[in-house]
Amino acid sequence: MNTATAPPAPLDAGPPGPARRTGPHALDVTDVRPLTADTAAVTLDVPAALRDVFRHRPGQHVTVRHHRDGAELRRTYSVCPPPRRPGTLRLVVKRAGPGGFGEHATTRLAPGDRLEVWPPAGHFAVPELPGAHHVLLAGGTGITPLAPMAAHALRRDPACRVSLVHSARTAADALLADEMAELKDEFVDRLTVLYVLTREDPGSGAGPLARRLDAAGLRRVLTAVDARPGPGTAFALCGPPGLTDTARRVLAEWGAEPSLVRWESFTSGDGPARPPEPAGPAPEAGQARVTALLDGRRRTATVLPHDPALLDALLRTHPDVPYACREGVCGSCRAKVLSGQVTADRQHALDEADLAAGYTLVCRARPRTPEITLDFDA
C-alpha cells in the first residue's frame, strides 16, 4: 500500500482553532527581510503542534512581547502571510522611534532568534456579502491586514470586486507593492489598486493622486474606483486614527451603509510601555474589585485609587491578561462587561455596535461601581 503525508495546511485556512490567550508562545525567526528604509518583514516558524493555535482569519493580529533594559514592551502586528509559505507567520514591522521593538526588529533581529507571540486575535474582516464591491483603504502599514483580506475575498467569492487604495509617502514606501501587482495579474478584471503618494516629487509622473488623502482626496478616490453607496458596497479602513476618523466621516456623509464600514486604527508610538504600578498600602475608599474571565478561568484583582485603568490592577497579579498598545487602538484588551459599570476614555478600536453590546477596552476603563465582572472570552 502506498501512503502519503498531506502537506501542512496554510495557517489562514479555515476558521481559527481554540487559541490559548493566557500566554505567549516562543516562535523561531526564520527570515528578516528589509522592505523599505524603515520596515522589515519578519517570518516566524510555527511548529506543527501550534498550527491550530495560530490558525487565523485574514485581518487578525498577534501581540509580540519584547524585553529591553528591564522593561517589557508589547506591540501588535497584523498577520500578513507570505505567499506559498505554509506553516509560517509573517509580520511587517516598522521602525517608529529609538528604543522600541521596531528598531530592534529592523536593525538587530536575525534568523535563529526567538520571539514571544500571543495567538491571533481581532475581529477585523471583510463582511460575508456575495457579489459585493469591497473598497479597502490603507494608510502606511495599514496595508498589512488589507492585502490578505483582498486576496481572501477575491478567491472566496468569484462574483466580488475589490478596490484597494494605499496611501504612502512615496512609491518607495508602498509596502507589498510587488505582491499586490501579482494579485492584480491573477484577478485583472476584478481588482483595482490605486496609490495615493503624499510626498512624491510632483515631477515624478505619479499622477493626480500624488497628494494628501484628506476629505477631498477621499471623495476623489471614491469616484476613481466607482464606489457607490448602498448595500452592495463594503468598506474596510486601516491606518492612523486621523485617517480612519476622516474616512468614516466622509463615508457617513457620502451615504455608505454604516454596518458595512469596518475599520482598524493603529498608533505609531514604539516607546517602552509603562509598567503597572506595584501594589502597596491604599485607603479603602475608592477601591473596587474586578473579576475577569479569560480562557474559562476566573481572575480577581483590586482596583486602587491611583490605578490609571482596570488593566493595571489586573496585571499586578495576572500578567497573562491580554493588552498591547494601552491607547485604545489595537483592541487586544477587549472585554465584555457582564456586571457593574465602567467609564472609559475614547476607545478607537470599538464601534457603536461593540459599545451597545457592552464591550470595553480594559486599558481605558475605570470602575464606576464597587464590583465589576469582565469576560475576555465573549
Protein backbone atom coordinates (compact mmCIF):
# COMPACT_ATOMS: atom_id res chain seq x y z
CA MET A 1 0.00 0.00 0.00
CA ASN A 2 1.30 3.43 -0.92
CA THR A 3 0.87 6.12 1.71
CA ALA A 4 1.45 9.85 1.59
CA THR A 5 1.60 12.57 4.18
CA ALA A 6 -0.59 15.56 3.45
CA PRO A 7 1.28 18.87 3.38
CA PRO A 8 0.60 21.17 6.34
CA ALA A 9 -2.47 23.36 5.89
CA PRO A 10 -1.82 27.08 5.49
CA LEU A 11 -2.25 28.96 8.74
CA ASP A 12 -5.06 31.05 7.25
CA ALA A 13 -7.08 28.03 6.04
CA GLY A 14 -10.44 27.58 7.71
CA PRO A 15 -11.68 29.02 10.99
CA PRO A 16 -9.25 29.79 13.81
CA GLY A 17 -8.51 26.98 16.23
CA PRO A 18 -9.02 27.18 20.01
CA ALA A 19 -6.22 29.66 20.62
CA ARG A 20 -4.78 29.85 24.13
CA ARG A 21 -4.76 33.51 25.10
CA THR A 22 -3.28 33.04 28.58
CA GLY A 23 0.31 33.49 27.49
CA PRO A 24 2.72 33.77 24.58
CA HIS A 25 4.45 31.01 22.64
CA ALA A 26 8.12 31.17 21.67
CA LEU A 27 8.48 31.10 17.87
CA ASP A 28 11.74 30.93 15.91
CA VAL A 29 12.61 33.69 13.46
CA THR A 30 13.40 32.18 10.05
CA ASP A 31 13.79 35.32 7.94
CA VAL A 32 14.16 39.08 8.36
CA ARG A 33 13.83 40.88 5.04
CA PRO A 34 14.01 44.67 4.60
CA LEU A 35 11.05 46.06 2.67
CA THR A 36 11.71 49.79 2.82
CA ALA A 37 14.19 52.05 4.58
CA ASP A 38 12.29 51.71 7.88
CA THR A 39 10.32 48.44 7.63
CA ALA A 40 11.14 44.74 7.59
CA ALA A 41 9.18 41.55 7.08
CA VAL A 42 9.78 39.12 9.94
CA THR A 43 8.89 35.48 9.20
CA LEU A 44 8.34 33.05 12.07
CA ASP A 45 8.20 29.27 12.01
CA VAL A 46 5.08 27.75 13.58
CA PRO A 47 5.69 24.16 14.78
CA ALA A 48 3.14 21.54 13.82
CA ALA A 49 1.94 21.33 17.43
CA LEU A 50 0.94 25.02 17.32
CA ARG A 51 -0.66 25.13 13.87
CA ASP A 52 -4.21 25.12 15.24
CA VAL A 53 -3.34 27.70 17.90
CA PHE A 54 -2.00 30.11 15.26
CA ARG A 55 -4.63 29.45 12.61
CA HIS A 56 -6.12 32.83 11.73
CA ARG A 57 -8.53 34.78 9.57
CA PRO A 58 -7.21 37.48 7.22
CA GLY A 59 -7.30 40.72 9.17
CA GLN A 60 -6.33 39.31 12.56
CA HIS A 61 -3.25 40.37 14.51
CA VAL A 62 -0.81 38.96 17.06
CA THR A 63 0.89 40.57 20.03
CA VAL A 64 4.68 40.34 20.34
CA ARG A 65 6.45 40.75 23.67
CA HIS A 66 9.98 42.14 23.78
CA HIS A 67 12.19 42.84 26.80
CA ARG A 68 14.67 45.70 26.68
CA ASP A 69 16.64 47.31 29.53
CA GLY A 70 14.50 45.53 32.12
CA ALA A 71 11.22 46.84 30.66
CA GLU A 72 8.54 44.88 28.86
CA LEU A 73 7.22 46.11 25.55
CA ARG A 74 4.20 44.67 23.76
CA ARG A 75 3.28 45.55 20.20
CA THR A 76 0.58 44.24 17.89
CA TYR A 77 1.16 43.37 14.24
CA SER A 78 -1.27 42.18 11.60
CA VAL A 79 -0.62 38.70 10.27
CA CYS A 80 0.43 39.10 6.65
CA PRO A 81 1.05 35.57 5.33
CA PRO A 82 3.94 35.17 2.88
CA PRO A 83 2.77 33.74 -0.44
CA ARG A 84 3.20 29.98 -0.77
CA ARG A 85 4.84 29.58 2.66
CA PRO A 86 2.60 27.32 4.77
CA GLY A 87 3.48 26.84 8.43
CA THR A 88 4.77 30.37 8.92
CA LEU A 89 3.65 33.74 10.24
CA ARG A 90 4.87 36.96 8.66
CA LEU A 91 4.77 40.32 10.43
CA VAL A 92 5.65 43.63 8.81
CA VAL A 93 7.45 45.75 11.42
CA LYS A 94 8.11 49.47 11.13
CA ARG A 95 10.82 51.39 12.98
CA ALA A 96 8.92 54.22 14.61
CA GLY A 97 11.49 55.54 17.05
CA PRO A 98 14.57 54.70 19.14
CA GLY A 99 14.43 52.07 21.87
CA GLY A 100 11.34 50.21 20.68
CA PHE A 101 10.73 46.80 19.18
CA GLY A 102 10.58 48.28 15.69
CA GLU A 103 14.17 49.49 15.98
CA HIS A 104 15.26 46.11 17.34
CA ALA A 105 13.47 44.16 14.59
CA THR A 106 14.76 46.28 11.72
CA THR A 107 18.39 46.54 12.90
CA ARG A 108 19.29 43.56 15.12
CA LEU A 109 16.74 40.75 14.81
CA ALA A 110 18.13 37.77 12.85
CA PRO A 111 17.18 34.21 11.85
CA GLY A 112 17.57 31.88 14.80
CA ASP A 113 16.28 34.46 17.30
CA ARG A 114 13.07 33.76 19.19
CA LEU A 115 10.05 35.95 19.78
CA GLU A 116 7.26 35.59 22.31
CA VAL A 117 4.00 35.76 20.38
CA TRP A 118 0.38 35.57 21.52
CA PRO A 119 -2.14 33.66 19.36
CA PRO A 120 -4.09 35.59 16.70
CA ALA A 121 -6.91 37.85 17.85
CA GLY A 122 -9.18 40.54 16.48
CA HIS A 123 -12.46 40.88 14.59
CA PHE A 124 -11.35 42.97 11.60
CA ALA A 125 -12.58 41.30 8.40
CA VAL A 126 -14.45 41.93 5.18
CA PRO A 127 -18.14 41.04 5.53
CA GLU A 128 -19.68 37.92 4.02
CA LEU A 129 -21.50 39.76 1.25
CA PRO A 130 -21.73 37.80 -2.04
CA GLY A 131 -21.06 39.86 -5.15
CA ALA A 132 -20.02 42.95 -3.16
CA HIS A 133 -17.66 45.72 -4.16
CA HIS A 134 -15.08 45.75 -1.35
CA VAL A 135 -13.33 49.12 -1.08
CA LEU A 136 -10.20 48.82 1.08
CA LEU A 137 -8.40 51.96 2.26
CA ALA A 138 -4.91 51.61 3.75
CA GLY A 139 -2.64 54.24 5.26
CA GLY A 140 1.05 53.27 5.53
CA THR A 141 1.44 49.90 7.24
CA GLY A 142 -2.35 49.61 7.27
CA ILE A 143 -1.86 47.66 4.05
CA THR A 144 -0.71 44.60 6.04
CA PRO A 145 -4.18 43.37 7.11
CA LEU A 146 -5.90 44.63 3.97
CA ALA A 147 -3.67 42.82 1.45
CA PRO A 148 -4.59 39.33 2.74
CA MET A 149 -8.21 40.42 3.15
CA ALA A 150 -8.28 41.43 -0.53
CA ALA A 151 -6.80 38.11 -1.65
CA HIS A 152 -9.20 36.17 0.56
CA ALA A 153 -12.28 38.00 -0.75
CA LEU A 154 -11.26 37.53 -4.40
CA ARG A 155 -10.58 33.82 -4.00
CA ARG A 156 -13.64 33.13 -1.87
CA ASP A 157 -16.22 34.96 -3.99
CA PRO A 158 -15.81 34.85 -7.80
CA ALA A 159 -18.56 37.47 -8.16
CA CYS A 160 -17.00 40.15 -5.94
CA ARG A 161 -14.87 43.13 -6.91
CA VAL A 162 -12.07 44.68 -4.82
CA SER A 163 -10.67 48.22 -4.98
CA LEU A 164 -7.61 48.75 -2.79
CA VAL A 165 -6.33 52.27 -2.15
CA HIS A 166 -2.94 52.59 -0.45
CA SER A 167 -1.76 55.95 0.89
CA ALA A 168 2.04 56.09 1.24
CA ARG A 169 4.64 58.82 1.35
CA THR A 170 6.40 57.87 -1.88
CA ALA A 171 6.38 54.96 -4.32
CA ALA A 172 9.39 53.51 -2.49
CA ASP A 173 7.37 53.44 0.75
CA ALA A 174 4.44 51.48 -0.72
CA LEU A 175 4.63 48.17 1.15
CA LEU A 176 3.83 44.86 -0.56
CA ALA A 177 3.52 46.57 -3.95
CA ASP A 178 5.08 43.58 -5.77
CA GLU A 179 2.63 41.18 -4.15
CA MET A 180 -0.30 43.41 -4.99
CA ALA A 181 0.90 43.52 -8.61
CA GLU A 182 0.92 39.70 -8.69
CA LEU A 183 -2.58 39.62 -7.22
CA LYS A 184 -3.67 42.14 -9.84
CA ASP A 185 -2.30 39.85 -12.58
CA GLU A 186 -4.30 36.96 -11.09
CA PHE A 187 -7.55 38.95 -10.87
CA VAL A 188 -7.06 41.52 -13.60
CA ASP A 189 -10.79 42.07 -14.17
CA ARG A 190 -11.84 42.22 -10.52
CA LEU A 191 -9.05 44.02 -8.64
CA THR A 192 -8.18 47.73 -8.82
CA VAL A 193 -5.15 49.07 -6.95
CA LEU A 194 -4.59 52.82 -6.54
CA TYR A 195 -1.66 54.51 -4.78
CA VAL A 196 -2.01 57.94 -3.18
CA LEU A 197 1.52 59.31 -2.74
CA THR A 198 1.58 62.14 -0.23
CA ARG A 199 5.24 63.22 -0.54
CA GLU A 200 6.13 62.20 -4.07
CA ASP A 201 8.01 64.69 -6.23
CA PRO A 202 5.40 66.44 -8.43
CA GLY A 203 7.65 65.82 -11.43
CA SER A 204 7.80 62.07 -10.86
CA GLY A 205 4.80 61.32 -13.05
CA ALA A 206 2.82 59.90 -10.13
CA GLY A 207 -0.37 61.46 -11.47
CA PRO A 208 -3.35 63.24 -9.90
CA LEU A 209 -3.38 61.03 -6.78
CA ALA A 210 0.03 62.34 -5.66
CA ARG A 211 -1.43 64.42 -2.83
CA ARG A 212 -2.66 64.23 0.76
CA LEU A 213 -5.54 61.83 1.39
CA ASP A 214 -7.80 64.31 3.18
CA ALA A 215 -11.59 64.55 2.92
CA ALA A 216 -11.43 65.98 -0.59
CA GLY A 217 -8.93 63.34 -1.64
CA LEU A 218 -11.14 60.59 -0.25
CA ARG A 219 -14.08 61.83 -2.31
CA ARG A 220 -11.89 61.77 -5.43
CA VAL A 221 -10.87 58.19 -4.60
CA LEU A 222 -14.50 57.07 -4.26
CA THR A 223 -15.16 58.48 -7.70
CA ALA A 224 -11.99 56.96 -9.18
CA VAL A 225 -12.90 53.41 -8.08
CA ASP A 226 -16.59 53.83 -8.97
CA ALA A 227 -17.74 53.12 -5.43
CA ARG A 228 -21.46 53.63 -5.00
CA PRO A 229 -23.31 53.99 -1.70
CA GLY A 230 -25.69 51.21 -0.82
CA PRO A 231 -25.91 47.63 0.47
CA GLY A 232 -23.65 46.26 -2.28
CA THR A 233 -20.54 48.24 -1.29
CA ALA A 234 -18.48 47.38 1.79
CA PHE A 235 -15.52 49.30 3.22
CA ALA A 236 -12.51 48.30 5.29
CA LEU A 237 -10.17 51.01 6.60
CA CYS A 238 -6.80 50.63 8.32
CA GLY A 239 -4.31 53.33 9.17
CA PRO A 240 -3.56 56.00 11.76
CA PRO A 241 -6.61 57.25 13.71
CA GLY A 242 -6.65 60.58 11.85
CA LEU A 243 -7.08 58.83 8.51
CA THR A 244 -9.69 56.32 9.66
CA ASP A 245 -11.68 59.01 11.50
CA THR A 246 -11.70 61.24 8.41
CA ALA A 247 -12.67 58.33 6.16
CA ARG A 248 -15.53 57.29 8.43
CA ARG A 249 -16.89 60.85 8.47
CA VAL A 250 -16.65 61.17 4.68
CA LEU A 251 -18.31 57.79 4.15
CA ALA A 252 -21.16 58.68 6.52
CA GLU A 253 -21.77 61.93 4.62
CA TRP A 254 -21.50 60.11 1.29
CA GLY A 255 -24.19 57.60 2.28
CA ALA A 256 -22.25 54.40 2.96
CA GLU A 257 -24.17 51.65 4.78
CA PRO A 258 -22.95 52.04 8.43
CA SER A 259 -22.92 48.29 9.08
CA LEU A 260 -20.64 47.77 6.07
CA VAL A 261 -17.89 50.14 7.21
CA ARG A 262 -15.21 48.24 9.14
CA TRP A 263 -12.03 49.83 10.44
CA GLU A 264 -8.91 49.26 12.46
CA SER A 265 -6.59 52.01 13.64
CA PHE A 266 -3.01 51.81 14.82
CA THR A 267 -0.62 54.00 16.72
CA SER A 268 2.86 54.84 15.53
CA GLY A 269 4.27 55.02 19.05
CA ASP A 270 7.02 52.48 19.73
CA GLY A 271 8.45 53.57 23.04
CA PRO A 272 8.71 51.44 26.17
CA ALA A 273 5.39 50.50 27.71
CA ARG A 274 4.53 51.93 31.11
CA PRO A 275 4.77 49.07 33.64
CA PRO A 276 1.92 48.53 36.11
CA GLU A 277 2.45 50.28 39.41
CA PRO A 278 3.26 47.92 42.30
CA ALA A 279 0.58 47.18 44.86
CA GLY A 280 1.00 48.98 48.16
CA PRO A 281 -0.98 50.30 51.10
CA ALA A 282 -4.02 52.22 49.98
CA PRO A 283 -7.09 53.63 51.66
CA GLU A 284 -10.25 51.55 51.47
CA ALA A 285 -12.20 54.45 50.00
CA GLY A 286 -12.26 54.38 46.24
CA GLN A 287 -11.24 50.75 45.84
CA ALA A 288 -13.13 48.41 43.56
CA ARG A 289 -12.99 44.69 42.84
CA VAL A 290 -12.74 43.39 39.28
CA THR A 291 -13.35 39.79 38.25
CA ALA A 292 -12.10 38.74 34.80
CA LEU A 293 -13.00 35.60 32.85
CA LEU A 294 -10.19 34.56 30.48
CA ASP A 295 -9.87 31.16 28.79
CA GLY A 296 -12.56 29.85 31.12
CA ARG A 297 -10.62 30.78 34.25
CA ARG A 298 -11.64 33.39 36.80
CA ARG A 299 -9.20 36.08 37.92
CA THR A 300 -9.78 38.78 40.53
CA ALA A 301 -7.95 41.99 41.38
CA THR A 302 -8.38 45.09 43.48
CA VAL A 303 -8.50 48.41 41.66
CA LEU A 304 -6.67 51.04 43.70
CA PRO A 305 -7.45 54.78 43.54
CA HIS A 306 -4.16 55.52 41.73
CA ASP A 307 -4.64 52.85 39.04
CA PRO A 308 -4.94 54.53 35.61
CA ALA A 309 -7.19 51.71 34.33
CA LEU A 310 -8.61 48.29 35.15
CA LEU A 311 -5.75 46.76 33.18
CA ASP A 312 -3.16 48.00 35.68
CA ALA A 313 -4.98 46.31 38.55
CA LEU A 314 -5.27 43.01 36.69
CA LEU A 315 -1.63 42.97 35.59
CA ARG A 316 -0.33 43.23 39.14
CA THR A 317 -1.24 39.61 39.80
CA HIS A 318 -2.23 38.28 36.35
CA PRO A 319 0.45 39.16 33.75
CA ASP A 320 -1.25 36.93 31.15
CA VAL A 321 -4.12 39.40 30.68
CA PRO A 322 -4.00 40.47 27.01
CA TYR A 323 -3.02 44.00 26.08
CA ALA A 324 -0.63 45.78 23.74
CA CYS A 325 -0.90 49.48 22.91
CA ARG A 326 -2.58 50.92 26.08
CA GLU A 327 -4.05 53.65 23.85
CA GLY A 328 -7.43 52.12 22.98
CA VAL A 329 -6.29 51.47 19.42
CA CYS A 330 -5.28 47.82 18.96
CA GLY A 331 -8.28 46.19 20.67
CA SER A 332 -6.21 43.42 22.29
CA CYS A 333 -7.77 44.03 25.73
CA ARG A 334 -11.38 44.00 24.51
CA ALA A 335 -13.75 42.50 27.11
CA LYS A 336 -17.47 42.44 27.75
CA VAL A 337 -18.83 43.98 30.95
CA LEU A 338 -21.08 41.30 32.46
CA SER A 339 -21.92 43.14 35.67
CA GLY A 340 -21.18 46.52 37.17
CA GLN A 341 -20.35 49.68 35.24
CA VAL A 342 -17.20 51.29 33.88
CA THR A 343 -16.29 54.64 32.41
CA ALA A 344 -13.70 54.96 29.68
CA ASP A 345 -11.75 57.46 27.61
CA ARG A 346 -12.08 57.30 23.84
CA GLN A 347 -11.85 53.71 22.62
CA HIS A 348 -10.76 53.80 18.97
CA ALA A 349 -10.95 50.02 18.48
CA LEU A 350 -14.66 49.76 19.37
CA ASP A 351 -17.56 50.79 17.18
CA GLU A 352 -21.08 51.74 18.22
CA ALA A 353 -22.28 48.13 18.00
CA ASP A 354 -19.47 46.99 20.34
CA LEU A 355 -20.30 49.69 22.86
CA ALA A 356 -24.02 48.94 22.68
CA ALA A 357 -23.27 45.25 23.30
CA GLY A 358 -21.39 46.13 26.49
CA TYR A 359 -17.77 45.81 25.37
CA THR A 360 -14.97 47.96 26.72
CA LEU A 361 -11.20 48.24 26.36
CA VAL A 362 -9.69 47.41 29.72
CA CYS A 363 -6.68 49.68 29.10
CA ARG A 364 -9.02 52.70 29.01
CA ALA A 365 -11.70 51.71 31.53
CA ARG A 366 -12.13 52.81 35.15
CA PRO A 367 -14.70 51.44 37.63
CA ARG A 368 -17.97 53.24 38.29
CA THR A 369 -19.26 50.59 40.68
CA PRO A 370 -17.51 48.69 43.53
CA GLU A 371 -17.86 45.31 41.76
CA ILE A 372 -17.20 44.64 38.05
CA THR A 373 -17.15 41.39 36.09
CA LEU A 374 -15.44 41.26 32.67
CA ASP A 375 -15.42 38.49 30.07
CA PHE A 376 -12.39 38.44 27.74
CA ASP A 377 -13.74 35.28 26.06
CA ALA A 378 -17.03 36.86 24.90
